[in-house]
Amino acid sequence: MGRTIFLAGHAALPQGMAAKGLYDHLAIVAEVDKKYGVVVNVQCTLVTALANEIVQNTIRGYCLKDGIEELIKDMSNIYRGAARNAIIAALKDLDREYTRHFIKKD
């Protein structure tokens, strides 16, 4: 068994964005350490390299076991582009996937 798992979060992109011409949805894909819940690698489908780098640098190293609220707060403060709400929605979707696979329900 591998030490990491691949998860993806998706969200609709707003009209008028450059990425909307290529994709209908934004995807954030993450490689997550199964034991600790830490994002070890991440990519997203934003068009520009700088936007991708900002998203990657904000998410990489984040522990999903801590919940997604602090990451959403950080992303809201850092990323002020048109895709901000889509990024946040994709992060929430990613968190739902993580929770579905790793958080034990009582």
PDB file of N, CA and C in Angstrom:
ATOM      1  N   MET A   1       0.834  -1.190   0.000  1.00  0.00           N
ATOM      2  CA  MET A   1       0.000   0.000   0.000  1.00  0.00           C
ATOM      3  C   MET A   1       0.876   1.249   0.000  1.00  0.00           C
ATOM      4  N   GLY A   2       0.458   2.231  -0.783  1.00  0.00           N
ATOM      5  CA  GLY A   2       1.186   3.487  -0.832  1.00  0.00           C
ATOM      6  C   GLY A   2       0.942   4.333   0.408  1.00  0.00           C
ATOM      7  N   ARG A   3       1.805   5.282   0.619  1.00  0.00           N
ATOM      8  CA  ARG A   3       1.679   6.176   1.775  1.00  0.00           C
ATOM      9  C   ARG A   3       0.805   7.383   1.477  1.00  0.00           C
ATOM     10  N   THR A   4       0.471   7.595   0.191  1.00  0.00           N
ATOM     11  CA  THR A   4      -0.335   8.753  -0.167  1.00  0.00           C
ATOM     12  C   THR A   4      -1.564   8.315  -0.954  1.00  0.00           C
ATOM     13  N   ILE A   5      -2.517   9.234  -1.028  1.00  0.00           N
ATOM     14  CA  ILE A   5      -3.731   9.025  -1.809  1.00  0.00           C
ATOM     15  C   ILE A   5      -3.955  10.263  -2.661  1.00  0.00           C
ATOM     16  N   PHE A   6      -4.554  10.064  -3.815  1.00  0.00           N
ATOM     17  CA  PHE A   6      -4.872  11.138  -4.738  1.00  0.00           C
ATOM     18  C   PHE A   6      -6.329  11.529  -4.539  1.00  0.00           C
ATOM     19  N   LEU A   7      -6.585  12.814  -4.294  1.00  0.00           N
ATOM     20  CA  LEU A   7      -7.936  13.330  -4.139  1.00  0.00           C
ATOM     21  C   LEU A   7      -8.140  14.517  -5.070  1.00  0.00           C
ATOM     22  N   ALA A   8      -9.382  14.766  -5.444  1.00  0.00           N
ATOM     23  CA  ALA A   8      -9.686  15.897  -6.319  1.00  0.00           C
ATOM     24  C   ALA A   8     -10.921  16.624  -5.824  1.00  0.00           C
ATOM     25  N   GLY A   9     -10.889  17.933  -5.958  1.00  0.00           N
ATOM     26  CA  GLY A   9     -12.047  18.779  -5.682  1.00  0.00           C
ATOM     27  C   GLY A   9     -12.372  19.573  -6.935  1.00  0.00           C
ATOM     28  N   HIS A  10     -13.655  19.769  -7.209  1.00  0.00           N
ATOM     29  CA  HIS A  10     -14.086  20.451  -8.433  1.00  0.00           C
ATOM     30  C   HIS A  10     -15.090  21.550  -8.104  1.00  0.00           C
ATOM     31  N   ALA A  11     -15.123  22.556  -8.973  1.00  0.00           N
ATOM     32  CA  ALA A  11     -16.094  23.640  -8.841  1.00  0.00           C
ATOM     33  C   ALA A  11     -16.267  24.306 -10.203  1.00  0.00           C
ATOM     34  N   ALA A  12     -17.429  24.893 -10.419  1.00  0.00           N
ATOM     35  CA  ALA A  12     -17.701  25.616 -11.665  1.00  0.00           C
ATOM     36  C   ALA A  12     -16.911  26.922 -11.678  1.00  0.00           C
ATOM     37  N   LEU A  13     -16.396  27.268 -12.849  1.00  0.00           N
ATOM     38  CA  LEU A  13     -15.685  28.541 -13.020  1.00  0.00           C
ATOM     39  C   LEU A  13     -16.689  29.639 -13.387  1.00  0.00           C
ATOM     40  N   PRO A  14     -16.415  30.875 -12.969  1.00  0.00           N
ATOM     41  CA  PRO A  14     -17.306  31.975 -13.348  1.00  0.00           C
ATOM     42  C   PRO A  14     -17.155  32.337 -14.821  1.00  0.00           C
ATOM     43  N   GLN A  15     -18.198  32.906 -15.395  1.00  0.00           N
ATOM     44  CA  GLN A  15     -18.158  33.373 -16.780  1.00  0.00           C
ATOM     45  C   GLN A  15     -17.115  34.481 -16.929  1.00  0.00           C
ATOM     46  N   GLY A  16     -16.502  34.552 -18.102  1.00  0.00           N
ATOM     47  CA  GLY A  16     -15.571  35.632 -18.400  1.00  0.00           C
ATOM     48  C   GLY A  16     -14.138  35.376 -18.005  1.00  0.00           C
ATOM     49  N   MET A  17     -13.845  34.238 -17.448  1.00  0.00           N
ATOM     50  CA  MET A  17     -12.464  33.917 -17.063  1.00  0.00           C
ATOM     51  C   MET A  17     -11.729  33.281 -18.232  1.00  0.00           C
ATOM     52  N   ALA A  18     -10.417  33.488 -18.280  1.00  0.00           N
ATOM     53  CA  ALA A  18      -9.606  32.869 -19.332  1.00  0.00           C
ATOM     54  C   ALA A  18      -9.708  31.354 -19.272  1.00  0.00           C
ATOM     55  N   ALA A  19      -9.701  30.799 -18.078  1.00  0.00           N
ATOM     56  CA  ALA A  19      -9.767  29.342 -17.926  1.00  0.00           C
ATOM     57  C   ALA A  19     -11.099  28.787 -18.392  1.00  0.00           C
ATOM     58  N   LYS A  20     -12.147  29.593 -18.381  1.00  0.00           N
ATOM     59  CA  LYS A  20     -13.474  29.144 -18.788  1.00  0.00           C
ATOM     60  C   LYS A  20     -13.461  28.724 -20.255  1.00  0.00           C
ATOM     61  N   GLY A  21     -12.575  29.335 -21.060  1.00  0.00           N
ATOM     62  CA  GLY A  21     -12.457  28.945 -22.458  1.00  0.00           C
ATOM     63  C   GLY A  21     -11.858  27.557 -22.627  1.00  0.00           C
ATOM     64  N   LEU A  22     -11.085  27.090 -21.650  1.00  0.00           N
ATOM     65  CA  LEU A  22     -10.459  25.773 -21.703  1.00  0.00           C
ATOM     66  C   LEU A  22     -11.239  24.723 -20.927  1.00  0.00           C
ATOM     67  N   TYR A  23     -11.759  25.126 -19.773  1.00  0.00           N
ATOM     68  CA  TYR A  23     -12.428  24.190 -18.874  1.00  0.00           C
ATOM     69  C   TYR A  23     -13.736  24.801 -18.393  1.00  0.00           C
ATOM     70  N   ASP A  24     -14.722  23.965 -18.152  1.00  0.00           N
ATOM     71  CA  ASP A  24     -15.950  24.449 -17.521  1.00  0.00           C
ATOM     72  C   ASP A  24     -15.823  24.484 -16.011  1.00  0.00           C
ATOM     73  N   HIS A  25     -14.927  23.648 -15.496  1.00  0.00           N
ATOM     74  CA  HIS A  25     -14.772  23.527 -14.056  1.00  0.00           C
ATOM     75  C   HIS A  25     -13.308  23.692 -13.654  1.00  0.00           C
ATOM     76  N   LEU A  26     -13.129  24.148 -12.443  1.00  0.00           N
ATOM     77  CA  LEU A  26     -11.812  24.209 -11.833  1.00  0.00           C
ATOM     78  C   LEU A  26     -11.595  22.900 -11.087  1.00  0.00           C
ATOM     79  N   ALA A  27     -10.431  22.347 -11.209  1.00  0.00           N
ATOM     80  CA  ALA A  27     -10.078  21.151 -10.445  1.00  0.00           C
ATOM     81  C   ALA A  27      -8.848  21.455  -9.602  1.00  0.00           C
ATOM     82  N   ILE A  28      -8.909  21.040  -8.357  1.00  0.00           N
ATOM     83  CA  ILE A  28      -7.740  21.052  -7.491  1.00  0.00           C
ATOM     84  C   ILE A  28      -7.483  19.597  -7.151  1.00  0.00           C
ATOM     85  N   VAL A  29      -6.308  19.121  -7.527  1.00  0.00           N
ATOM     86  CA  VAL A  29      -5.950  17.727  -7.270  1.00  0.00           C
ATOM     87  C   VAL A  29      -4.794  17.715  -6.285  1.00  0.00           C
ATOM     88  N   ALA A  30      -4.876  16.793  -5.349  1.00  0.00           N
ATOM     89  CA  ALA A  30      -3.888  16.779  -4.273  1.00  0.00           C
ATOM     90  C   ALA A  30      -3.430  15.365  -3.970  1.00  0.00           C
ATOM     91  N   GLU A  31      -2.137  15.255  -3.695  1.00  0.00           N
ATOM     92  CA  GLU A  31      -1.574  14.027  -3.152  1.00  0.00           C
ATOM     93  C   GLU A  31      -1.470  14.247  -1.645  1.00  0.00           C
ATOM     94  N   VAL A  32      -2.117  13.372  -0.886  1.00  0.00           N
ATOM     95  CA  VAL A  32      -2.241  13.560   0.554  1.00  0.00           C
ATOM     96  C   VAL A  32      -1.647  12.361   1.280  1.00  0.00           C
ATOM     97  N   ASP A  33      -0.821  12.639   2.280  1.00  0.00           N
ATOM     98  CA  ASP A  33      -0.278  11.587   3.130  1.00  0.00           C
ATOM     99  C   ASP A  33      -1.429  10.950   3.905  1.00  0.00           C
ATOM    100  N   LYS A  34      -1.589   9.633   3.755  1.00  0.00           N
ATOM    101  CA  LYS A  34      -2.720   8.945   4.369  1.00  0.00           C
ATOM    102  C   LYS A  34      -2.659   8.956   5.895  1.00  0.00           C
ATOM    103  N   LYS A  35      -1.478   8.856   6.463  1.00  0.00           N
ATOM    104  CA  LYS A  35      -1.353   8.780   7.912  1.00  0.00           C
ATOM    105  C   LYS A  35      -1.583  10.127   8.592  1.00  0.00           C
ATOM    106  N   TYR A  36      -1.004  11.170   8.036  1.00  0.00           N
ATOM    107  CA  TYR A  36      -1.024  12.476   8.685  1.00  0.00           C
ATOM    108  C   TYR A  36      -2.020  13.470   8.085  1.00  0.00           C
ATOM    109  N   GLY A  37      -2.532  13.193   6.884  1.00  0.00           N
ATOM    110  CA  GLY A  37      -3.484  14.095   6.251  1.00  0.00           C
ATOM    111  C   GLY A  37      -2.870  15.345   5.661  1.00  0.00           C
ATOM    112  N   VAL A  38      -1.556  15.358   5.459  1.00  0.00           N
ATOM    113  CA  VAL A  38      -0.856  16.535   4.946  1.00  0.00           C
ATOM    114  C   VAL A  38      -0.800  16.487   3.414  1.00  0.00           C
ATOM    115  N   VAL A  39      -1.088  17.611   2.797  1.00  0.00           N
ATOM    116  CA  VAL A  39      -1.001  17.723   1.344  1.00  0.00           C
ATOM    117  C   VAL A  39       0.477  17.801   0.969  1.00  0.00           C
ATOM    118  N   VAL A  40       0.971  16.797   0.243  1.00  0.00           N
ATOM    119  CA  VAL A  40       2.379  16.768  -0.130  1.00  0.00           C
ATOM    120  C   VAL A  40       2.616  17.316  -1.532  1.00  0.00           C
ATOM    121  N   ASN A  41       1.593  17.291  -2.367  1.00  0.00           N
ATOM    122  CA  ASN A  41       1.699  17.842  -3.712  1.00  0.00           C
ATOM    123  C   ASN A  41       0.304  18.264  -4.154  1.00  0.00           C
ATOM    124  N   VAL A  42       0.224  19.319  -4.942  1.00  0.00           N
ATOM    125  CA  VAL A  42      -1.082  19.831  -5.361  1.00  0.00           C
ATOM    126  C   VAL A  42      -0.949  20.571  -6.685  1.00  0.00           C
ATOM    127  N   GLN A  43      -1.978  20.467  -7.509  1.00  0.00           N
ATOM    128  CA  GLN A  43      -2.062  21.222  -8.754  1.00  0.00           C
ATOM    129  C   GLN A  43      -3.498  21.670  -8.957  1.00  0.00           C
ATOM    130  N   CYS A  44      -3.667  22.696  -9.777  1.00  0.00           N
ATOM    131  CA  CYS A  44      -5.020  23.120 -10.142  1.00  0.00           C
ATOM    132  C   CYS A  44      -5.043  23.515 -11.602  1.00  0.00           C
ATOM    133  N   THR A  45      -6.239  23.702 -12.127  1.00  0.00           N
ATOM    134  CA  THR A  45      -6.403  23.938 -13.558  1.00  0.00           C
ATOM    135  C   THR A  45      -6.564  25.412 -13.912  1.00  0.00           C
ATOM    136  N   LEU A  46      -6.013  26.299 -13.106  1.00  0.00           N
ATOM    137  CA  LEU A  46      -5.997  27.709 -13.492  1.00  0.00           C
ATOM    138  C   LEU A  46      -5.034  27.877 -14.666  1.00  0.00           C
ATOM    139  N   VAL A  47      -5.289  28.860 -15.502  1.00  0.00           N
ATOM    140  CA  VAL A  47      -4.533  29.005 -16.749  1.00  0.00           C
ATOM    141  C   VAL A  47      -3.116  29.526 -16.530  1.00  0.00           C
ATOM    142  N   THR A  48      -2.941  30.529 -15.698  1.00  0.00           N
ATOM    143  CA  THR A  48      -1.615  31.135 -15.574  1.00  0.00           C
ATOM    144  C   THR A  48      -0.749  30.403 -14.557  1.00  0.00           C
ATOM    145  N   ALA A  49       0.522  30.359 -14.835  1.00  0.00           N
ATOM    146  CA  ALA A  49       1.473  29.689 -13.944  1.00  0.00           C
ATOM    147  C   ALA A  49       1.521  30.362 -12.578  1.00  0.00           C
ATOM    148  N   LEU A  50       1.434  31.689 -12.549  1.00  0.00           N
ATOM    149  CA  LEU A  50       1.499  32.407 -11.276  1.00  0.00           C
ATOM    150  C   LEU A  50       0.300  32.071 -10.393  1.00  0.00           C
ATOM    151  N   ALA A  51      -0.888  32.053 -10.976  1.00  0.00           N
ATOM    152  CA  ALA A  51      -2.082  31.710 -10.198  1.00  0.00           C
ATOM    153  C   ALA A  51      -1.961  30.293  -9.645  1.00  0.00           C
ATOM    154  N   ASN A  52      -1.502  29.367 -10.467  1.00  0.00           N
ATOM    155  CA  ASN A  52      -1.299  27.991 -10.013  1.00  0.00           C
ATOM    156  C   ASN A  52      -0.289  27.940  -8.877  1.00  0.00           C
ATOM    157  N   GLU A  53       0.797  28.687  -9.019  1.00  0.00           N
ATOM    158  CA  GLU A  53       1.844  28.692  -7.996  1.00  0.00           C
ATOM    159  C   GLU A  53       1.322  29.217  -6.669  1.00  0.00           C
ATOM    160  N   ILE A  54       0.518  30.274  -6.722  1.00  0.00           N
ATOM    161  CA  ILE A  54      -0.052  30.843  -5.496  1.00  0.00           C
ATOM    162  C   ILE A  54      -0.955  29.821  -4.812  1.00  0.00           C
ATOM    163  N   VAL A  55      -1.806  29.171  -5.584  1.00  0.00           N
ATOM    164  CA  VAL A  55      -2.696  28.152  -5.021  1.00  0.00           C
ATOM    165  C   VAL A  55      -1.880  26.996  -4.450  1.00  0.00           C
ATOM    166  N   GLN A  56      -0.893  26.534  -5.200  1.00  0.00           N
ATOM    167  CA  GLN A  56      -0.064  25.419  -4.740  1.00  0.00           C
ATOM    168  C   GLN A  56       0.665  25.765  -3.443  1.00  0.00           C
ATOM    169  N   ASN A  57       1.274  26.931  -3.399  1.00  0.00           N
ATOM    170  CA  ASN A  57       2.038  27.323  -2.213  1.00  0.00           C
ATOM    171  C   ASN A  57       1.153  27.496  -0.983  1.00  0.00           C
ATOM    172  N   THR A  58      -0.092  27.876  -1.193  1.00  0.00           N
ATOM    173  CA  THR A  58      -1.017  28.051  -0.079  1.00  0.00           C
ATOM    174  C   THR A  58      -1.496  26.711   0.456  1.00  0.00           C
ATOM    175  N   ILE A  59      -1.709  25.738  -0.422  1.00  0.00           N
ATOM    176  CA  ILE A  59      -2.280  24.449  -0.016  1.00  0.00           C
ATOM    177  C   ILE A  59      -1.222  23.439   0.409  1.00  0.00           C
ATOM    178  N   ARG A  60      -0.083  23.402  -0.283  1.00  0.00           N
ATOM    179  CA  ARG A  60       0.946  22.402   0.015  1.00  0.00           C
ATOM    180  C   ARG A  60       1.395  22.525   1.472  1.00  0.00           C
ATOM    181  N   GLY A  61       1.445  21.394   2.151  1.00  0.00           N
ATOM    182  CA  GLY A  61       1.856  21.361   3.547  1.00  0.00           C
ATOM    183  C   GLY A  61       0.709  21.494   4.527  1.00  0.00           C
ATOM    184  N   TYR A  62      -0.483  21.807   4.037  1.00  0.00           N
ATOM    185  CA  TYR A  62      -1.638  21.963   4.909  1.00  0.00           C
ATOM    186  C   TYR A  62      -2.124  20.593   5.381  1.00  0.00           C
ATOM    187  N   CYS A  63      -2.525  20.489   6.628  1.00  0.00           N
ATOM    188  CA  CYS A  63      -3.027  19.240   7.201  1.00  0.00           C
ATOM    189  C   CYS A  63      -4.552  19.238   7.133  1.00  0.00           C
ATOM    190  N   LEU A  64      -5.095  18.359   6.302  1.00  0.00           N
ATOM    191  CA  LEU A  64      -6.542  18.274   6.144  1.00  0.00           C
ATOM    192  C   LEU A  64      -7.235  17.760   7.397  1.00  0.00           C
ATOM    193  N   LYS A  65      -6.500  17.091   8.272  1.00  0.00           N
ATOM    194  CA  LYS A  65      -7.082  16.640   9.543  1.00  0.00           C
ATOM    195  C   LYS A  65      -7.507  17.819  10.412  1.00  0.00           C
ATOM    196  N   ASP A  66      -6.908  18.988  10.173  1.00  0.00           N
ATOM    197  CA  ASP A  66      -7.226  20.178  10.960  1.00  0.00           C
ATOM    198  C   ASP A  66      -8.516  20.863  10.519  1.00  0.00           C
ATOM    199  N   GLY A  67      -9.170  20.322   9.477  1.00  0.00           N
ATOM    200  CA  GLY A  67     -10.350  20.974   8.929  1.00  0.00           C
ATOM    201  C   GLY A  67      -9.941  21.971   7.865  1.00  0.00           C
ATOM    202  N   ILE A  68     -10.886  22.410   7.098  1.00  0.00           N
ATOM    203  CA  ILE A  68     -10.592  23.225   5.926  1.00  0.00           C
ATOM    204  C   ILE A  68     -10.760  24.733   6.180  1.00  0.00           C
ATOM    205  N   GLU A  69     -11.318  25.109   7.315  1.00  0.00           N
ATOM    206  CA  GLU A  69     -11.674  26.506   7.558  1.00  0.00           C
ATOM    207  C   GLU A  69     -10.479  27.457   7.497  1.00  0.00           C
ATOM    208  N   GLU A  70      -9.370  27.077   8.115  1.00  0.00           N
ATOM    209  CA  GLU A  70      -8.191  27.952   8.125  1.00  0.00           C
ATOM    210  C   GLU A  70      -7.601  28.094   6.720  1.00  0.00           C
ATOM    211  N   LEU A  71      -7.610  27.020   5.955  1.00  0.00           N
ATOM    212  CA  LEU A  71      -7.117  27.076   4.578  1.00  0.00           C
ATOM    213  C   LEU A  71      -7.998  27.981   3.728  1.00  0.00           C
ATOM    214  N   ILE A  72      -9.296  27.907   3.903  1.00  0.00           N
ATOM    215  CA  ILE A  72     -10.213  28.783   3.161  1.00  0.00           C
ATOM    216  C   ILE A  72      -9.971  30.239   3.543  1.00  0.00           C
ATOM    217  N   LYS A  73      -9.763  30.491   4.818  1.00  0.00           N
ATOM    218  CA  LYS A  73      -9.462  31.857   5.277  1.00  0.00           C
ATOM    219  C   LYS A  73      -8.169  32.363   4.638  1.00  0.00           C
ATOM    220  N   ASP A  74      -7.130  31.526   4.640  1.00  0.00           N
ATOM    221  CA  ASP A  74      -5.864  31.909   4.015  1.00  0.00           C
ATOM    222  C   ASP A  74      -6.047  32.190   2.527  1.00  0.00           C
ATOM    223  N   MET A  75      -6.760  31.310   1.842  1.00  0.00           N
ATOM    224  CA  MET A  75      -6.963  31.478   0.396  1.00  0.00           C
ATOM    225  C   MET A  75      -7.756  32.751   0.117  1.00  0.00           C
ATOM    226  N   SER A  76      -8.758  33.042   0.925  1.00  0.00           N
ATOM    227  CA  SER A  76      -9.559  34.262   0.750  1.00  0.00           C
ATOM    228  C   SER A  76      -8.715  35.512   0.912  1.00  0.00           C
ATOM    229  N   ASN A  77      -7.760  35.467   1.832  1.00  0.00           N
ATOM    230  CA  ASN A  77      -6.896  36.627   2.068  1.00  0.00           C
ATOM    231  C   ASN A  77      -5.826  36.789   0.994  1.00  0.00           C
ATOM    232  N   ILE A  78      -5.356  35.687   0.428  1.00  0.00           N
ATOM    233  CA  ILE A  78      -4.248  35.728  -0.531  1.00  0.00           C
ATOM    234  C   ILE A  78      -4.721  35.890  -1.961  1.00  0.00           C
ATOM    235  N   TYR A  79      -5.713  35.099  -2.366  1.00  0.00           N
ATOM    236  CA  TYR A  79      -6.116  35.055  -3.778  1.00  0.00           C
ATOM    237  C   TYR A  79      -7.310  35.975  -3.999  1.00  0.00           C
ATOM    238  N   ARG A  80      -7.102  37.021  -4.781  1.00  0.00           N
ATOM    239  CA  ARG A  80      -8.158  38.009  -5.032  1.00  0.00           C
ATOM    240  C   ARG A  80      -8.626  38.003  -6.486  1.00  0.00           C
ATOM    241  N   GLY A  81      -8.289  36.946  -7.225  1.00  0.00           N
ATOM    242  CA  GLY A  81      -8.701  36.853  -8.623  1.00  0.00           C
ATOM    243  C   GLY A  81     -10.150  36.415  -8.765  1.00  0.00           C
ATOM    244  N   ALA A  82     -10.616  36.415 -10.023  1.00  0.00           N
ATOM    245  CA  ALA A  82     -12.004  36.064 -10.327  1.00  0.00           C
ATOM    246  C   ALA A  82     -12.350  34.632  -9.935  1.00  0.00           C
ATOM    247  N   ALA A  83     -11.367  33.776  -9.836  1.00  0.00           N
ATOM    248  CA  ALA A  83     -11.608  32.364  -9.531  1.00  0.00           C
ATOM    249  C   ALA A  83     -11.647  32.070  -8.035  1.00  0.00           C
ATOM    250  N   ARG A  84     -11.551  33.094  -7.194  1.00  0.00           N
ATOM    251  CA  ARG A  84     -11.468  32.865  -5.748  1.00  0.00           C
ATOM    252  C   ARG A  84     -12.615  32.004  -5.221  1.00  0.00           C
ATOM    253  N   ASN A  85     -13.848  32.317  -5.580  1.00  0.00           N
ATOM    254  CA  ASN A  85     -14.978  31.529  -5.078  1.00  0.00           C
ATOM    255  C   ASN A  85     -14.947  30.106  -5.604  1.00  0.00           C
ATOM    256  N   ALA A  86     -14.512  29.927  -6.842  1.00  0.00           N
ATOM    257  CA  ALA A  86     -14.399  28.574  -7.401  1.00  0.00           C
ATOM    258  C   ALA A  86     -13.300  27.794  -6.680  1.00  0.00           C
ATOM    259  N   ILE A  87     -12.197  28.453  -6.354  1.00  0.00           N
ATOM    260  CA  ILE A  87     -11.118  27.793  -5.614  1.00  0.00           C
ATOM    261  C   ILE A  87     -11.626  27.347  -4.245  1.00  0.00           C
ATOM    262  N   ILE A  88     -12.351  28.208  -3.575  1.00  0.00           N
ATOM    263  CA  ILE A  88     -12.887  27.872  -2.259  1.00  0.00           C
ATOM    264  C   ILE A  88     -13.877  26.719  -2.360  1.00  0.00           C
ATOM    265  N   ALA A  89     -14.736  26.746  -3.371  1.00  0.00           N
ATOM    266  CA  ALA A  89     -15.690  25.649  -3.557  1.00  0.00           C
ATOM    267  C   ALA A  89     -14.966  24.340  -3.862  1.00  0.00           C
ATOM    268  N   ALA A  90     -13.900  24.399  -4.653  1.00  0.00           N
ATOM    269  CA  ALA A  90     -13.122  23.193  -4.963  1.00  0.00           C
ATOM    270  C   ALA A  90     -12.411  22.668  -3.714  1.00  0.00           C
ATOM    271  N   LEU A  91     -11.948  23.571  -2.853  1.00  0.00           N
ATOM    272  CA  LEU A  91     -11.328  23.144  -1.594  1.00  0.00           C
ATOM    273  C   LEU A  91     -12.347  22.454  -0.691  1.00  0.00           C
ATOM    274  N   LYS A  92     -13.555  22.975  -0.649  1.00  0.00           N
ATOM    275  CA  LYS A  92     -14.604  22.338   0.149  1.00  0.00           C
ATOM    276  C   LYS A  92     -14.927  20.952  -0.406  1.00  0.00           C
ATOM    277  N   ASP A  93     -14.932  20.826  -1.731  1.00  0.00           N
ATOM    278  CA  ASP A  93     -15.177  19.529  -2.356  1.00  0.00           C
ATOM    279  C   ASP A  93     -14.032  18.561  -2.039  1.00  0.00           C
ATOM    280  N   LEU A  94     -12.802  19.055  -2.093  1.00  0.00           N
ATOM    281  CA  LEU A  94     -11.638  18.244  -1.736  1.00  0.00           C
ATOM    282  C   LEU A  94     -11.744  17.771  -0.290  1.00  0.00           C
ATOM    283  N   ASP A  95     -12.167  18.658   0.590  1.00  0.00           N
ATOM    284  CA  ASP A  95     -12.341  18.304   1.999  1.00  0.00           C
ATOM    285  C   ASP A  95     -13.428  17.242   2.164  1.00  0.00           C
ATOM    286  N   ARG A  96     -14.515  17.348   1.416  1.00  0.00           N
ATOM    287  CA  ARG A  96     -15.566  16.317   1.476  1.00  0.00           C
ATOM    288  C   ARG A  96     -15.009  14.957   1.062  1.00  0.00           C
ATOM    289  N   GLU A  97     -14.171  14.950   0.031  1.00  0.00           N
ATOM    290  CA  GLU A  97     -13.557  13.696  -0.414  1.00  0.00           C
ATOM    291  C   GLU A  97     -12.628  13.137   0.661  1.00  0.00           C
ATOM    292  N   TYR A  98     -11.834  13.997   1.267  1.00  0.00           N
ATOM    293  CA  TYR A  98     -10.931  13.553   2.333  1.00  0.00           C
ATOM    294  C   TYR A  98     -11.743  12.985   3.497  1.00  0.00           C
ATOM    295  N   THR A  99     -12.760  13.709   3.911  1.00  0.00           N
ATOM    296  CA  THR A  99     -13.598  13.281   5.028  1.00  0.00           C
ATOM    297  C   THR A  99     -14.270  11.944   4.718  1.00  0.00           C
ATOM    298  N   ARG A 100     -14.751  11.801   3.515  1.00  0.00           N
ATOM    299  CA  ARG A 100     -15.431  10.571   3.108  1.00  0.00           C
ATOM    300  C   ARG A 100     -14.514   9.354   3.230  1.00  0.00           C
ATOM    301  N   HIS A 101     -13.250   9.528   2.923  1.00  0.00           N
ATOM    302  CA  HIS A 101     -12.316   8.413   2.914  1.00  0.00           C
ATOM    303  C   HIS A 101     -11.587   8.193   4.233  1.00  0.00           C
ATOM    304  N   PHE A 102     -11.427   9.247   5.045  1.00  0.00           N
ATOM    305  CA  PHE A 102     -10.518   9.122   6.187  1.00  0.00           C
ATOM    306  C   PHE A 102     -11.097   9.466   7.554  1.00  0.00           C
ATOM    307  N   ILE A 103     -12.186  10.170   7.614  1.00  0.00           N
ATOM    308  CA  ILE A 103     -12.726  10.542   8.917  1.00  0.00           C
ATOM    309  C   ILE A 103     -13.754   9.485   9.317  1.00  0.00           C
ATOM    310  N   LYS A 104     -13.498   8.864  10.435  1.00  0.00           N
ATOM    311  CA  LYS A 104     -14.376   7.806  10.935  1.00  0.00           C
ATOM    312  C   LYS A 104     -15.633   8.424  11.532  1.00  0.00           C
ATOM    313  N   LYS A 105     -16.767   7.910  11.133  1.00  0.00           N
ATOM    314  CA  LYS A 105     -18.052   8.340  11.694  1.00  0.00           C
ATOM    315  C   LYS A 105     -18.383   7.460  12.893  1.00  0.00           C
ATOM    316  N   ASP A 106     -18.835   8.102  13.962  1.00  0.00           N
ATOM    317  CA  ASP A 106     -19.213   7.322  15.165  1.00  0.00           C
ATOM    318  C   ASP A 106     -20.585   6.730  15.016  1.00  0.00           C
TER     319      ASP A 106
END
